[in-house]
Amino acid sequence: MFLDSGKQKESPVSEGEARCVERSKLIELLAAHLPLGTIRFGCRVISVKLDTQTTSTPILHMHDGSIIKAKIVIGCDGGNSIIGEFLELKPPKLLSACAVRGFTNYPNGHGFPPDFIRQKKGPILLGRTPVNDTLVFWFVASQGYPQDSNVWKDPELIRQYALESTKGFPTEMTEMINRSDEKSLSLTHLRYRDPRDVLFGRFRKGSVTVAGDAMHIMGPFLGQGGSAGVEDAIVLARCLAPKLQEENLERNGREMMVQNVGEALDAYVKERRMRLVWLSTQTYLTGKLLLDDSPLPMKLLSLVIVVALFRDPVGHSRYDCGRL
């Protein structure tokens, strides 16, 4: 919905079901199926090196001073990835935009339809989608970002920033922001990995690779960042599993394991690369159209490119990464 002109456009987010999922709940669900002790929390990596004796074993140096010698390292440590630095990936670029995200709980039910709604007014984009009958996820994306460093750390200041940004929006939406759960509020300077860096980046060194935002951080304009991370996990598991069968490891020893892991990670990177190039490109161009305040000729050029490359705007949601 474009509030400046009063125009409204309806389109499917995807074919079939589209659902908002809390990442914490997804992590808890996956963790419940793993043996106790598999997951260790608070283990922040500060550097990665290869063992000079074997030239292949990754050695992780942790923030608490401990050292871990790993057989395989899969860096899922976000846009500021230490593993990405080890792989010599170019750092993500900054968009001239920021986003506030939050959840609002309605104990007696919110009564909203199960739709993903986006409202735009000037350079401000406000989105809302229900998680269930009582919980709603929302975001506010805007050009620029607050200069006061305190805003980024104080949930109440983040709320006030979101309310200031959405002046003139429907009362239903601003009230949703006002009553949001303070602990859920976050303010993020939006970043992205340039599609050219995704196309040419080196995502594997020895038995070290990356996945999720560490590999392909992108803006939230298609809502595919988290989904792409799940795709990474499925493809990676499918590539690694046949190469790491116990009987093969016992029979062939470490040298063969290193070779097998390298082949598996190469297959993973090859399968994911072009999917991520197209996804990153569409996300970037969509963000330019939604938030950028460029002159009209530049916006028209972006629109022409989007139409030429992505005739089906929700085609990205029909991608099938295959089974495990």
Foldseek 3Di string as FASTA:
>chain_A
DEPVVPDDDDDDLAPDDDADDDVVVVVVVVVVPDDPPPDDPPWAFDAWDADPVVSFWIWTQTPVRDIDTDLAAAFAPAQVTRLLVVLVFDHWAFDQKKKKKFKAFAPVFDPDDQDWDWYDYAQKIKIWGANDRTMIIIMIMGGHDDPPPVCQPFLVSVLVVRLVRQPPPDPSRNVRSVRTDSVGIGMGRATWHQLVSLQPGDQDDQNYGYAQNNRTRADCLSVCRVVRRVLLVFLLCVLLVVLPDPVCCVVPHDVSSSVSSVRSVVSSSVLSRVLRSVVRVLRVLSSCLNRNPDPPVVNVVSVVVCCVSCVPSSPNVPDDSDGD
